[in-house]
Amino acid sequence: IGVARIPADLCGAAVMIGWAVLWGLGIGSA
């Protein structure tokens, strides 16, 4: 839709990497 791409990518990367760490680097590492 063409809005706020950089903040959305930053949040997406942080959540996905953070979720892997939160899962204890187990299956969340996927």
Full PDB file with SEQRES, HELIX, SHEET, SSBOND, CRYST1, ORIGX, SCALE, CONECT and MASTER records, all heavy atoms in Angstrom:
SEQRES   1 A   30  ILE GLY VAL ALA ARG ILE PRO ALA ASP LEU CYS GLY ALA          
SEQRES   2 A   30  ALA VAL MET ILE GLY TRP ALA VAL LEU TRP GLY LEU GLY          
SEQRES   3 A   30  ILE GLY SER ALA                                              
HELIX    1 AA1 ARG A    5  LEU A   22  1                                  18    
HELIX    2 AA2 ILE A   27  SER A   29  5                                   3    
CRYST1    1.000    1.000    1.000  90.00  90.00  90.00 P 1           1          
ORIGX1      1.000000  0.000000  0.000000        0.00000                         
ORIGX2      0.000000  1.000000  0.000000        0.00000                         
ORIGX3      0.000000  0.000000  1.000000        0.00000                         
SCALE1      1.000000  0.000000  0.000000        0.00000                         
SCALE2      0.000000  1.000000  0.000000        0.00000                         
SCALE3      0.000000  0.000000  1.000000        0.00000                         
ATOM      1  N   ILE A   1       0.818  -1.214   0.000  1.00  0.00           N  
ATOM      2  CA  ILE A   1       0.000   0.000   0.000  1.00  0.00           C  
ATOM      3  C   ILE A   1       0.852   1.264   0.000  1.00  0.00           C  
ATOM      4  O   ILE A   1       0.322   2.358  -0.156  1.00  0.00           O  
ATOM      5  CB  ILE A   1      -1.015   0.029   1.163  1.00  0.00           C  
ATOM      6  CG1 ILE A   1      -0.310   0.008   2.514  1.00  0.00           C  
ATOM      7  CG2 ILE A   1      -1.996  -1.112   1.044  1.00  0.00           C  
ATOM      8  CD1 ILE A   1      -1.259   0.160   3.680  1.00  0.00           C  
ATOM      9  N   GLY A   2       2.169   1.121   0.171  1.00  0.00           N  
ATOM     10  CA  GLY A   2       3.086   2.230   0.008  1.00  0.00           C  
ATOM     11  C   GLY A   2       3.240   3.150   1.194  1.00  0.00           C  
ATOM     12  O   GLY A   2       3.489   4.333   1.016  1.00  0.00           O  
ATOM     13  N   VAL A   3       3.107   2.636   2.402  1.00  0.00           N  
ATOM     14  CA  VAL A   3       3.268   3.493   3.585  1.00  0.00           C  
ATOM     15  C   VAL A   3       4.283   2.886   4.538  1.00  0.00           C  
ATOM     16  O   VAL A   3       4.354   1.682   4.702  1.00  0.00           O  
ATOM     17  CB  VAL A   3       1.936   3.695   4.346  1.00  0.00           C  
ATOM     18  CG1 VAL A   3       0.939   4.423   3.486  1.00  0.00           C  
ATOM     19  CG2 VAL A   3       1.367   2.379   4.812  1.00  0.00           C  
ATOM     20  N   ALA A   4       5.088   3.708   5.173  1.00  0.00           N  
ATOM     21  CA  ALA A   4       5.971   3.369   6.295  1.00  0.00           C  
ATOM     22  C   ALA A   4       6.699   2.046   6.124  1.00  0.00           C  
ATOM     23  O   ALA A   4       6.664   1.191   6.993  1.00  0.00           O  
ATOM     24  CB  ALA A   4       5.174   3.369   7.594  1.00  0.00           C  
ATOM     25  N   ARG A   5       7.395   1.896   5.010  1.00  0.00           N  
ATOM     26  CA  ARG A   5       8.057   0.621   4.757  1.00  0.00           C  
ATOM     27  C   ARG A   5       9.229   0.375   5.695  1.00  0.00           C  
ATOM     28  O   ARG A   5       9.389  -0.727   6.213  1.00  0.00           O  
ATOM     29  CB  ARG A   5       8.524   0.564   3.301  1.00  0.00           C  
ATOM     30  CG  ARG A   5       7.390   0.495   2.323  1.00  0.00           C  
ATOM     31  CD  ARG A   5       7.923   0.345   0.930  1.00  0.00           C  
ATOM     32  NE  ARG A   5       8.869   1.391   0.613  1.00  0.00           N  
ATOM     33  CZ  ARG A   5       8.694   2.300  -0.332  1.00  0.00           C  
ATOM     34  NH1 ARG A   5       7.613   2.287  -1.047  1.00  0.00           N  
ATOM     35  NH2 ARG A   5       9.602   3.214  -0.565  1.00  0.00           N  
ATOM     36  N   ILE A   6      10.068   1.368   5.916  1.00  0.00           N  
ATOM     37  CA  ILE A   6      11.259   1.161   6.748  1.00  0.00           C  
ATOM     38  C   ILE A   6      10.884   0.855   8.199  1.00  0.00           C  
ATOM     39  O   ILE A   6      11.405  -0.104   8.769  1.00  0.00           O  
ATOM     40  CB  ILE A   6      12.224   2.353   6.626  1.00  0.00           C  
ATOM     41  CG1 ILE A   6      12.806   2.370   5.205  1.00  0.00           C  
ATOM     42  CG2 ILE A   6      13.335   2.273   7.659  1.00  0.00           C  
ATOM     43  CD1 ILE A   6      13.668   3.550   4.892  1.00  0.00           C  
ATOM     44  N   PRO A   7       9.960   1.610   8.825  1.00  0.00           N  
ATOM     45  CA  PRO A   7       9.575   1.226  10.193  1.00  0.00           C  
ATOM     46  C   PRO A   7       8.939  -0.160  10.257  1.00  0.00           C  
ATOM     47  O   PRO A   7       9.163  -0.907  11.204  1.00  0.00           O  
ATOM     48  CB  PRO A   7       8.587   2.307  10.616  1.00  0.00           C  
ATOM     49  CG  PRO A   7       8.896   3.475   9.750  1.00  0.00           C  
ATOM     50  CD  PRO A   7       9.381   2.900   8.456  1.00  0.00           C  
ATOM     51  N   ALA A   8       8.155  -0.515   9.251  1.00  0.00           N  
ATOM     52  CA  ALA A   8       7.523  -1.839   9.236  1.00  0.00           C  
ATOM     53  C   ALA A   8       8.568  -2.934   9.106  1.00  0.00           C  
ATOM     54  O   ALA A   8       8.480  -3.966   9.784  1.00  0.00           O  
ATOM     55  CB  ALA A   8       6.509  -1.921   8.104  1.00  0.00           C  
ATOM     56  N   ASP A   9       9.571  -2.733   8.259  1.00  0.00           N  
ATOM     57  CA  ASP A   9      10.639  -3.726   8.123  1.00  0.00           C  
ATOM     58  C   ASP A   9      11.461  -3.828   9.394  1.00  0.00           C  
ATOM     59  O   ASP A   9      11.834  -4.923   9.809  1.00  0.00           O  
ATOM     60  CB  ASP A   9      11.562  -3.369   6.948  1.00  0.00           C  
ATOM     61  CG  ASP A   9      10.933  -3.682   5.610  1.00  0.00           C  
ATOM     62  OD1 ASP A   9      10.245  -4.708   5.508  1.00  0.00           O  
ATOM     63  OD2 ASP A   9      11.145  -2.900   4.671  1.00  0.00           O  
ATOM     64  N   LEU A  10      11.735  -2.700  10.027  1.00  0.00           N  
ATOM     65  CA  LEU A  10      12.491  -2.702  11.268  1.00  0.00           C  
ATOM     66  C   LEU A  10      11.742  -3.454  12.364  1.00  0.00           C  
ATOM     67  O   LEU A  10      12.317  -4.304  13.054  1.00  0.00           O  
ATOM     68  CB  LEU A  10      12.790  -1.266  11.714  1.00  0.00           C  
ATOM     69  CG  LEU A  10      13.612  -1.109  12.982  1.00  0.00           C  
ATOM     70  CD1 LEU A  10      14.985  -1.728  12.812  1.00  0.00           C  
ATOM     71  CD2 LEU A  10      13.725   0.360  13.343  1.00  0.00           C  
ATOM     72  N   CYS A  11      10.463  -3.177  12.496  1.00  0.00           N  
ATOM     73  CA  CYS A  11       9.656  -3.882  13.506  1.00  0.00           C  
ATOM     74  C   CYS A  11       9.542  -5.364  13.174  1.00  0.00           C  
ATOM     75  O   CYS A  11       9.628  -6.208  14.062  1.00  0.00           O  
ATOM     76  CB  CYS A  11       8.265  -3.256  13.602  1.00  0.00           C  
ATOM     77  SG  CYS A  11       8.291  -1.631  14.351  1.00  0.00           S  
ATOM     78  N   GLY A  12       9.353  -5.687  11.898  1.00  0.00           N  
ATOM     79  CA  GLY A  12       9.254  -7.085  11.495  1.00  0.00           C  
ATOM     80  C   GLY A  12      10.525  -7.855  11.805  1.00  0.00           C  
ATOM     81  O   GLY A  12      10.478  -8.969  12.331  1.00  0.00           O  
ATOM     82  N   ALA A  13      11.682  -7.263  11.505  1.00  0.00           N  
ATOM     83  CA  ALA A  13      12.957  -7.927  11.804  1.00  0.00           C  
ATOM     84  C   ALA A  13      13.148  -8.091  13.301  1.00  0.00           C  
ATOM     85  O   ALA A  13      13.555  -9.159  13.765  1.00  0.00           O  
ATOM     86  CB  ALA A  13      14.116  -7.128  11.202  1.00  0.00           C  
ATOM     87  N   ALA A  14      12.836  -7.049  14.053  1.00  0.00           N  
ATOM     88  CA  ALA A  14      13.016  -7.119  15.508  1.00  0.00           C  
ATOM     89  C   ALA A  14      12.111  -8.168  16.133  1.00  0.00           C  
ATOM     90  O   ALA A  14      12.535  -8.928  17.007  1.00  0.00           O  
ATOM     91  CB  ALA A  14      12.744  -5.747  16.134  1.00  0.00           C  
ATOM     92  N   VAL A  15      10.863  -8.230  15.680  1.00  0.00           N  
ATOM     93  CA  VAL A  15       9.929  -9.210  16.243  1.00  0.00           C  
ATOM     94  C   VAL A  15      10.355 -10.628  15.882  1.00  0.00           C  
ATOM     95  O   VAL A  15      10.344 -11.523  16.729  1.00  0.00           O  
ATOM     96  CB  VAL A  15       8.491  -8.920  15.779  1.00  0.00           C  
ATOM     97  CG1 VAL A  15       7.563 -10.083  16.095  1.00  0.00           C  
ATOM     98  CG2 VAL A  15       7.973  -7.647  16.427  1.00  0.00           C  
ATOM     99  N   MET A  16      10.750 -10.849  14.635  1.00  0.00           N  
ATOM    100  CA  MET A  16      11.106 -12.209  14.225  1.00  0.00           C  
ATOM    101  C   MET A  16      12.382 -12.699  14.916  1.00  0.00           C  
ATOM    102  O   MET A  16      12.438 -13.834  15.390  1.00  0.00           O  
ATOM    103  CB  MET A  16      11.227 -12.277  12.711  1.00  0.00           C  
ATOM    104  CG  MET A  16       9.869 -12.081  12.055  1.00  0.00           C  
ATOM    105  SD  MET A  16       9.965 -12.038  10.291  1.00  0.00           S  
ATOM    106  CE  MET A  16       9.886 -13.776   9.973  1.00  0.00           C  
ATOM    107  N   ILE A  17      13.397 -11.856  14.998  1.00  0.00           N  
ATOM    108  CA  ILE A  17      14.625 -12.247  15.696  1.00  0.00           C  
ATOM    109  C   ILE A  17      14.349 -12.354  17.195  1.00  0.00           C  
ATOM    110  O   ILE A  17      14.800 -13.290  17.859  1.00  0.00           O  
ATOM    111  CB  ILE A  17      15.760 -11.250  15.404  1.00  0.00           C  
ATOM    112  CG1 ILE A  17      16.097 -11.204  13.913  1.00  0.00           C  
ATOM    113  CG2 ILE A  17      16.991 -11.573  16.246  1.00  0.00           C  
ATOM    114  CD1 ILE A  17      16.689 -12.456  13.343  1.00  0.00           C  
ATOM    115  N   GLY A  18      13.596 -11.409  17.732  1.00  0.00           N  
ATOM    116  CA  GLY A  18      13.253 -11.451  19.155  1.00  0.00           C  
ATOM    117  C   GLY A  18      12.425 -12.664  19.518  1.00  0.00           C  
ATOM    118  O   GLY A  18      12.590 -13.246  20.593  1.00  0.00           O  
ATOM    119  N   TRP A  19      11.529 -13.063  18.637  1.00  0.00           N  
ATOM    120  CA  TRP A  19      10.700 -14.240  18.882  1.00  0.00           C  
ATOM    121  C   TRP A  19      11.564 -15.493  18.932  1.00  0.00           C  
ATOM    122  O   TRP A  19      11.323 -16.398  19.737  1.00  0.00           O  
ATOM    123  CB  TRP A  19       9.624 -14.348  17.811  1.00  0.00           C  
ATOM    124  CG  TRP A  19       8.408 -15.077  18.244  1.00  0.00           C  
ATOM    125  CD1 TRP A  19       7.936 -16.256  17.734  1.00  0.00           C  
ATOM    126  CD2 TRP A  19       7.471 -14.693  19.257  1.00  0.00           C  
ATOM    127  NE1 TRP A  19       6.785 -16.616  18.361  1.00  0.00           N  
ATOM    128  CE2 TRP A  19       6.475 -15.668  19.310  1.00  0.00           C  
ATOM    129  CE3 TRP A  19       7.394 -13.626  20.127  1.00  0.00           C  
ATOM    130  CZ2 TRP A  19       5.413 -15.614  20.186  1.00  0.00           C  
ATOM    131  CZ3 TRP A  19       6.324 -13.560  21.001  1.00  0.00           C  
ATOM    132  CH2 TRP A  19       5.356 -14.551  21.023  1.00  0.00           C  
ATOM    133  N   ALA A  20      12.583 -15.558  18.083  1.00  0.00           N  
ATOM    134  CA  ALA A  20      13.502 -16.705  18.112  1.00  0.00           C  
ATOM    135  C   ALA A  20      14.263 -16.743  19.438  1.00  0.00           C  
ATOM    136  O   ALA A  20      14.443 -17.807  20.022  1.00  0.00           O  
ATOM    137  CB  ALA A  20      14.483 -16.628  16.944  1.00  0.00           C  
ATOM    138  N   VAL A  21      14.670 -15.584  19.934  1.00  0.00           N  
ATOM    139  CA  VAL A  21      15.373 -15.523  21.214  1.00  0.00           C  
ATOM    140  C   VAL A  21      14.417 -15.855  22.358  1.00  0.00           C  
ATOM    141  O   VAL A  21      14.766 -16.575  23.290  1.00  0.00           O  
ATOM    142  CB  VAL A  21      16.025 -14.134  21.407  1.00  0.00           C  
ATOM    143  CG1 VAL A  21      16.578 -13.979  22.813  1.00  0.00           C  
ATOM    144  CG2 VAL A  21      17.119 -13.926  20.375  1.00  0.00           C  
ATOM    145  N   LEU A  22      13.189 -15.346  22.279  1.00  0.00           N  
ATOM    146  CA  LEU A  22      12.204 -15.600  23.320  1.00  0.00           C  
ATOM    147  C   LEU A  22      11.881 -17.087  23.432  1.00  0.00           C  
ATOM    148  O   LEU A  22      11.660 -17.600  24.523  1.00  0.00           O  
ATOM    149  CB  LEU A  22      10.921 -14.798  23.040  1.00  0.00           C  
ATOM    150  CG  LEU A  22       9.827 -14.875  24.091  1.00  0.00           C  
ATOM    151  CD1 LEU A  22      10.297 -14.209  25.370  1.00  0.00           C  
ATOM    152  CD2 LEU A  22       8.578 -14.192  23.585  1.00  0.00           C  
ATOM    153  N   TRP A  23      11.854 -17.771  22.309  1.00  0.00           N  
ATOM    154  CA  TRP A  23      11.604 -19.212  22.318  1.00  0.00           C  
ATOM    155  C   TRP A  23      12.835 -19.983  22.774  1.00  0.00           C  
ATOM    156  O   TRP A  23      12.888 -21.197  22.652  1.00  0.00           O  
ATOM    157  CB  TRP A  23      11.193 -19.680  20.936  1.00  0.00           C  
ATOM    158  CG  TRP A  23       9.756 -19.518  20.638  1.00  0.00           C  
ATOM    159  CD1 TRP A  23       8.907 -18.577  21.129  1.00  0.00           C  
ATOM    160  CD2 TRP A  23       8.990 -20.317  19.762  1.00  0.00           C  
ATOM    161  NE1 TRP A  23       7.673 -18.736  20.588  1.00  0.00           N  
ATOM    162  CE2 TRP A  23       7.687 -19.799  19.752  1.00  0.00           C  
ATOM    163  CE3 TRP A  23       9.273 -21.409  18.965  1.00  0.00           C  
ATOM    164  CZ2 TRP A  23       6.669 -20.348  18.987  1.00  0.00           C  
ATOM    165  CZ3 TRP A  23       8.264 -21.949  18.194  1.00  0.00           C  
ATOM    166  CH2 TRP A  23       6.969 -21.425  18.221  1.00  0.00           C  
ATOM    167  N   GLY A  24      13.841 -19.302  23.247  1.00  0.00           N  
ATOM    168  CA  GLY A  24      15.038 -19.970  23.756  1.00  0.00           C  
ATOM    169  C   GLY A  24      15.916 -20.530  22.667  1.00  0.00           C  
ATOM    170  O   GLY A  24      16.648 -21.487  22.899  1.00  0.00           O  
ATOM    171  N   LEU A  25      15.856 -19.961  21.501  1.00  0.00           N  
ATOM    172  CA  LEU A  25      16.654 -20.390  20.357  1.00  0.00           C  
ATOM    173  C   LEU A  25      16.407 -21.852  19.999  1.00  0.00           C  
ATOM    174  O   LEU A  25      17.241 -22.495  19.382  1.00  0.00           O  
ATOM    175  CB  LEU A  25      18.136 -20.126  20.594  1.00  0.00           C  
ATOM    176  CG  LEU A  25      18.497 -18.657  20.824  1.00  0.00           C  
ATOM    177  CD1 LEU A  25      19.970 -18.538  21.167  1.00  0.00           C  
ATOM    178  CD2 LEU A  25      18.162 -17.822  19.623  1.00  0.00           C  
ATOM    179  N   GLY A  26      15.258 -22.366  20.360  1.00  0.00           N  
ATOM    180  CA  GLY A  26      14.878 -23.731  20.001  1.00  0.00           C  
ATOM    181  C   GLY A  26      14.223 -23.733  18.632  1.00  0.00           C  
ATOM    182  O   GLY A  26      14.814 -23.284  17.657  1.00  0.00           O  
ATOM    183  N   ILE A  27      12.977 -24.177  18.581  1.00  0.00           N  
ATOM    184  CA  ILE A  27      12.308 -24.234  17.279  1.00  0.00           C  
ATOM    185  C   ILE A  27      11.977 -22.850  16.752  1.00  0.00           C  
ATOM    186  O   ILE A  27      11.723 -22.684  15.566  1.00  0.00           O  
ATOM    187  CB  ILE A  27      11.034 -25.110  17.339  1.00  0.00           C  
ATOM    188  CG1 ILE A  27      10.011 -24.540  18.309  1.00  0.00           C  
ATOM    189  CG2 ILE A  27      11.375 -26.546  17.677  1.00  0.00           C  
ATOM    190  CD1 ILE A  27       8.679 -25.253  18.259  1.00  0.00           C  
ATOM    191  N   GLY A  28      12.017 -21.853  17.605  1.00  0.00           N  
ATOM    192  CA  GLY A  28      11.811 -20.479  17.146  1.00  0.00           C  
ATOM    193  C   GLY A  28      12.914 -20.000  16.226  1.00  0.00           C  
ATOM    194  O   GLY A  28      12.758 -19.006  15.521  1.00  0.00           O  
ATOM    195  N   SER A  29      14.023 -20.701  16.223  1.00  0.00           N  
ATOM    196  CA  SER A  29      15.123 -20.341  15.326  1.00  0.00           C  
ATOM    197  C   SER A  29      14.733 -20.484  13.865  1.00  0.00           C  
ATOM    198  O   SER A  29      15.404 -19.936  12.998  1.00  0.00           O  
ATOM    199  CB  SER A  29      16.338 -21.212  15.616  1.00  0.00           C  
ATOM    200  OG  SER A  29      16.808 -20.948  16.915  1.00  0.00           O  
ATOM    201  N   ALA A  30      13.677 -21.203  13.608  1.00  0.00           N  
ATOM    202  CA  ALA A  30      13.211 -21.346  12.233  1.00  0.00           C  
ATOM    203  C   ALA A  30      12.745 -20.012  11.659  1.00  0.00           C  
ATOM    204  O   ALA A  30      12.638 -19.864  10.439  1.00  0.00           O  
ATOM    205  CB  ALA A  30      12.069 -22.358  12.169  1.00  0.00           C  
TER     206      ALA A  30                                                      
MASTER        0    0    0    2    0    0    0    6  205    1    0    3          
END                                                                             
